[in-house]
C-alpha atoms as a PDB file:
ATOM      1  CA  MET A   1       0.000   0.000   0.000  1.00  0.00           C
ATOM      2  CA  LYS A   2       2.813   2.418   0.884  1.00  0.00           C
ATOM      3  CA  THR A   3       4.528   1.669  -2.446  1.00  0.00           C
ATOM      4  CA  THR A   4       1.344   2.492  -4.384  1.00  0.00           C
ATOM      5  CA  ILE A   5       0.932   5.792  -2.566  1.00  0.00           C
ATOM      6  CA  PHE A   6       4.598   6.662  -3.195  1.00  0.00           C
ATOM      7  CA  PHE A   7       4.301   6.023  -6.959  1.00  0.00           C
ATOM      8  CA  LEU A   8       1.011   7.933  -7.131  1.00  0.00           C
ATOM      9  CA  ALA A   9       2.573  10.922  -5.336  1.00  0.00           C
ATOM     10  CA  ALA A  10       5.637  10.793  -7.603  1.00  0.00           C
ATOM     11  CA  ALA A  11       3.486  10.686 -10.753  1.00  0.00           C
ATOM     12  CA  LEU A  12       1.367  13.595  -9.513  1.00  0.00           C
ATOM     13  CA  SER A  13       4.428  15.745  -8.772  1.00  0.00           C
ATOM     14  CA  VAL A  14       5.871  15.053 -12.251  1.00  0.00           C
ATOM     15  CA  SER A  15       2.600  16.059 -13.957  1.00  0.00           C
ATOM     16  CA  LEU A  16       2.419  19.258 -11.915  1.00  0.00           C
ATOM     17  CA  GLN A  17       6.009  20.154 -12.814  1.00  0.00           C
ATOM     18  CA  ALA A  18       5.292  19.605 -16.515  1.00  0.00           C
ATOM     19  CA  GLN A  19       2.559  22.285 -16.405  1.00  0.00           C
ATOM     20  CA  GLU A  20       4.889  25.041 -15.185  1.00  0.00           C
ATOM     21  CA  PRO A  21       5.832  27.466 -17.959  1.00  0.00           C
ATOM     22  CA  LYS A  22       9.420  27.511 -19.079  1.00  0.00           C
ATOM     23  CA  PRO A  23      11.521  30.447 -17.842  1.00  0.00           C
ATOM     24  CA  VAL A  24      11.446  33.649 -19.892  1.00  0.00           C
ATOM     25  CA  PRO A  25      14.794  34.461 -21.531  1.00  0.00           C
ATOM     26  CA  LYS A  26      16.329  37.808 -20.547  1.00  0.00           C
ATOM     27  CA  ASP A  27      15.831  39.184 -24.063  1.00  0.00           C
ATOM     28  CA  SER A  28      12.105  38.312 -24.195  1.00  0.00           C
ATOM     29  CA  ALA A  29       8.764  38.897 -22.498  1.00  0.00           C
ATOM     30  CA  ARG A  30       5.800  36.525 -22.059  1.00  0.00           C
ATOM     31  CA  VAL A  31       2.497  38.032 -23.176  1.00  0.00           C
ATOM     32  CA  SER A  32      -1.102  36.848 -23.479  1.00  0.00           C
ATOM     33  CA  VAL A  33      -3.007  38.447 -26.338  1.00  0.00           C
ATOM     34  CA  PRO A  34      -6.681  38.067 -27.291  1.00  0.00           C
ATOM     35  CA  GLY A  35      -7.586  38.259 -30.965  1.00  0.00           C
ATOM     36  CA  CYS A  36      -8.007  36.386 -34.230  1.00  0.00           C
ATOM     37  CA  SER A  37      -5.705  34.387 -36.454  1.00  0.00           C
ATOM     38  CA  LYS A  38      -5.580  33.976 -40.205  1.00  0.00           C
ATOM     39  CA  GLY A  39      -2.827  31.665 -41.375  1.00  0.00           C
ATOM     40  CA  TYR A  40       0.310  32.620 -39.479  1.00  0.00           C
ATOM     41  CA  VAL A  41      -0.838  36.187 -38.716  1.00  0.00           C
ATOM     42  CA  PHE A  42      -2.590  37.055 -35.462  1.00  0.00           C
ATOM     43  CA  THR A  43      -4.431  40.363 -35.012  1.00  0.00           C
ATOM     44  CA  ALA A  44      -4.774  41.594 -31.430  1.00  0.00           C
ATOM     45  CA  ALA A  45      -8.214  42.536 -30.133  1.00  0.00           C
ATOM     46  CA  ARG A  46      -9.112  44.731 -27.172  1.00  0.00           C
ATOM     47  CA  LYS A  47      -8.439  42.970 -23.867  1.00  0.00           C
ATOM     48  CA  ALA A  48     -11.614  42.240 -21.872  1.00  0.00           C
ATOM     49  CA  GLU A  49     -10.035  42.992 -18.501  1.00  0.00           C
ATOM     50  CA  VAL A  50      -7.340  45.562 -18.017  1.00  0.00           C
ATOM     51  CA  SER A  51      -4.154  44.241 -16.464  1.00  0.00           C
ATOM     52  CA  PRO A  52      -1.345  46.796 -16.270  1.00  0.00           C
ATOM     53  CA  GLY A  53       1.746  46.107 -18.333  1.00  0.00           C
ATOM     54  CA  SER A  54       0.359  43.130 -20.238  1.00  0.00           C
ATOM     55  CA  THR A  55      -1.659  44.523 -23.136  1.00  0.00           C
ATOM     56  CA  VAL A  56      -0.767  44.596 -26.813  1.00  0.00           C
ATOM     57  CA  PRO A  57      -2.588  47.432 -28.609  1.00  0.00           C
ATOM     58  CA  GLU A  58      -5.727  46.481 -30.528  1.00  0.00           C
ATOM     59  CA  GLY A  59      -4.988  45.971 -34.223  1.00  0.00           C
ATOM     60  CA  THR A  60      -1.354  44.936 -33.723  1.00  0.00           C
ATOM     61  CA  HIS A  61      -0.349  42.120 -36.090  1.00  0.00           C
ATOM     62  CA  LEU A  62       1.876  39.324 -34.782  1.00  0.00           C
ATOM     63  CA  ARG A  63       3.594  36.607 -36.818  1.00  0.00           C
ATOM     64  CA  LEU A  64       2.863  33.238 -35.186  1.00  0.00           C
ATOM     65  CA  ASN A  65       5.710  30.791 -34.697  1.00  0.00           C
ATOM     66  CA  GLY A  66       5.330  27.407 -33.037  1.00  0.00           C
ATOM     67  CA  PRO A  67       5.312  23.635 -33.404  1.00  0.00           C
ATOM     68  CA  LYS A  68       3.252  22.327 -36.353  1.00  0.00           C
ATOM     69  CA  PRO A  69       0.626  20.555 -34.194  1.00  0.00           C
ATOM     70  CA  LEU A  70       0.058  23.745 -32.158  1.00  0.00           C
ATOM     71  CA  MET A  71      -0.170  25.873 -35.312  1.00  0.00           C
ATOM     72  CA  ALA A  72      -2.655  23.384 -36.821  1.00  0.00           C
ATOM     73  CA  ASP A  73      -4.823  23.703 -33.679  1.00  0.00           C
ATOM     74  CA  ILE A  74      -4.765  27.502 -33.978  1.00  0.00           C
ATOM     75  CA  LYS A  75      -5.575  27.351 -37.709  1.00  0.00           C
ATOM     76  CA  ARG A  76      -8.715  25.324 -36.898  1.00  0.00           C
ATOM     77  CA  GLN A  77      -9.856  28.245 -34.701  1.00  0.00           C
ATOM     78  CA  GLU A  78      -9.922  30.830 -37.539  1.00  0.00           C
ATOM     79  CA  GLY A  79     -13.109  32.873 -37.245  1.00  0.00           C
ATOM     80  CA  SER A  80     -13.233  32.424 -33.459  1.00  0.00           C
ATOM     81  CA  MET A  81     -11.683  34.621 -30.767  1.00  0.00           C
ATOM     82  CA  ILE A  82      -8.718  33.037 -29.033  1.00  0.00           C
ATOM     83  CA  GLU A  83      -6.064  34.167 -26.588  1.00  0.00           C
ATOM     84  CA  ILE A  84      -2.493  33.207 -27.381  1.00  0.00           C
ATOM     85  CA  THR A  85       0.353  33.127 -24.877  1.00  0.00           C
ATOM     86  CA  GLY A  86       3.939  33.271 -25.948  1.00  0.00           C
ATOM     87  CA  LEU A  87       7.313  34.980 -25.988  1.00  0.00           C
ATOM     88  CA  ILE A  88       8.215  38.165 -27.872  1.00  0.00           C
ATOM     89  CA  LYS A  89      11.882  39.132 -28.226  1.00  0.00           C
ATOM     90  CA  THR A  90      12.530  42.610 -26.888  1.00  0.00           C
ATOM     91  CA  GLY A  91      14.971  43.254 -29.764  1.00  0.00           C
ATOM     92  CA  GLU A  92      12.094  43.131 -32.280  1.00  0.00           C
ATOM     93  CA  ILE A  93      10.224  45.884 -30.512  1.00  0.00           C
ATOM     94  CA  ILE A  94      10.536  49.554 -31.387  1.00  0.00           C
ATOM     95  CA  GLU A  95      11.127  51.472 -28.171  1.00  0.00           C
ATOM     96  CA  ASP A  96       8.155  53.840 -28.191  1.00  0.00           C
ATOM     97  CA  GLY A  97       4.427  53.229 -27.845  1.00  0.00           C
ATOM     98  CA  GLY A  98       2.706  51.204 -25.140  1.00  0.00           C
ATOM     99  CA  GLY A  99       4.451  48.935 -22.656  1.00  0.00           C
ATOM    100  CA  VAL A 100       3.599  45.230 -22.517  1.00  0.00           C
ATOM    101  CA  GLY A 101       5.815  44.345 -19.567  1.00  0.00           C
ATOM    102  CA  GLY A 102       9.358  43.148 -19.132  1.00  0.00           C
ATOM    103  CA  GLY A 103      10.754  46.228 -20.853  1.00  0.00           C
ATOM    104  CA  VAL A 104       8.821  45.500 -24.075  1.00  0.00           C
ATOM    105  CA  ARG A 105       6.982  48.303 -25.855  1.00  0.00           C
ATOM    106  CA  ILE A 106       4.797  48.008 -28.945  1.00  0.00           C
ATOM    107  CA  ARG A 107       3.468  50.830 -31.077  1.00  0.00           C
ATOM    108  CA  SER A 108       0.341  50.525 -33.184  1.00  0.00           C
ATOM    109  CA  GLY A 109       1.745  51.627 -36.555  1.00  0.00           C
ATOM    110  CA  THR A 110       4.897  51.303 -38.630  1.00  0.00           C
ATOM    111  CA  GLY A 111       4.759  54.328 -40.855  1.00  0.00           C
ATOM    112  CA  GLY A 112       1.672  56.391 -40.296  1.00  0.00           C
ATOM    113  CA  PRO A 113      -1.957  55.833 -41.263  1.00  0.00           C
ATOM    114  CA  SER A 114      -1.135  54.912 -44.870  1.00  0.00           C
ATOM    115  CA  SER A 115       1.301  52.164 -43.889  1.00  0.00           C
ATOM    116  CA  PRO A 116       0.669  48.977 -45.902  1.00  0.00           C
ATOM    117  CA  MET A 117       1.350  46.892 -42.808  1.00  0.00           C
ATOM    118  CA  GLY A 118      -1.800  48.226 -41.190  1.00  0.00           C
ATOM    119  CA  GLY A 119      -0.575  48.020 -37.714  1.00  0.00           C
ATOM    120  CA  ALA A 120       2.425  46.409 -36.066  1.00  0.00           C
ATOM    121  CA  VAL A 121       6.025  47.051 -35.371  1.00  0.00           C
ATOM    122  CA  ALA A 122       8.434  45.687 -37.899  1.00  0.00           C
ATOM    123  CA  SER A 123      10.780  42.784 -37.445  1.00  0.00           C
ATOM    124  CA  ALA A 124      13.459  42.156 -40.023  1.00  0.00           C
ATOM    125  CA  GLY A 125      11.895  41.003 -43.272  1.00  0.00           C
ATOM    126  CA  SER A 126       8.362  40.113 -42.209  1.00  0.00           C
ATOM    127  CA  GLY A 127       6.835  43.457 -41.231  1.00  0.00           C
ATOM    128  CA  TYR A 128       5.412  41.872 -38.066  1.00  0.00           C
ATOM    129  CA  VAL A 129       6.601  41.142 -34.559  1.00  0.00           C
ATOM    130  CA  THR A 130       7.152  37.397 -34.159  1.00  0.00           C
ATOM    131  CA  ILE A 131       5.614  35.631 -31.177  1.00  0.00           C
ATOM    132  CA  ASP A 132       6.806  32.150 -30.201  1.00  0.00           C
ATOM    133  CA  VAL A 133       3.459  30.641 -29.260  1.00  0.00           C
ATOM    134  CA  GLU A 134       3.402  28.474 -26.141  1.00  0.00           C
ATOM    135  CA  GLY A 135      -0.342  27.916 -25.977  1.00  0.00           C
ATOM    136  CA  TRP A 136      -3.810  29.225 -26.716  1.00  0.00           C
ATOM    137  CA  ARG A 137      -7.352  29.078 -25.382  1.00  0.00           C
ATOM    138  CA  ARG A 138     -10.770  29.856 -26.828  1.00  0.00           C
ATOM    139  CA  ILE A 139     -12.456  33.005 -25.499  1.00  0.00           C
ATOM    140  CA  PRO A 140     -15.965  34.415 -26.071  1.00  0.00           C
ATOM    141  CA  GLY A 141     -16.518  36.372 -29.259  1.00  0.00           C
ATOM    142  CA  GLU A 142     -16.326  36.104 -33.002  1.00  0.00           C
ATOM    143  CA  CYS A 143     -13.813  37.512 -35.465  1.00  0.00           C
ATOM    144  CA  ARG A 144     -14.781  39.996 -38.134  1.00  0.00           C
ATOM    145  CA  THR A 145     -14.278  38.730 -41.657  1.00  0.00           C
ATOM    146  CA  HIS A 146     -13.585  41.086 -44.535  1.00  0.00           C
END
């Protein structure tokens, strides 16, 4: 009986440790962003609850990066509101605009109102900030389709 309890306790502690998020690198910040995805582009929506230092401005476009199975799950959610959680490198962020925490700041435009990017800070080559997606969850709401 004692052996069974020991193995059960050991298995439970391993599963709890596996759920802890990995540490954030010094050059990055972990953010959670509500919005909609289309392909590998995620457009931030207005956050339902205000939490200081953790918002990405509405309309900001993020380039999604993650394991294929995770990206396939997110692709199946197109048309539905989701919240993604992941890491953004602070080096990709232009140092003006609104703070998102951990020394990261995002501005809502790249070149004025006529910018073809329509909204996010530029990273080299893509025109979007890249987020390394760690997870997502469905949230209430629908995405606008154009």
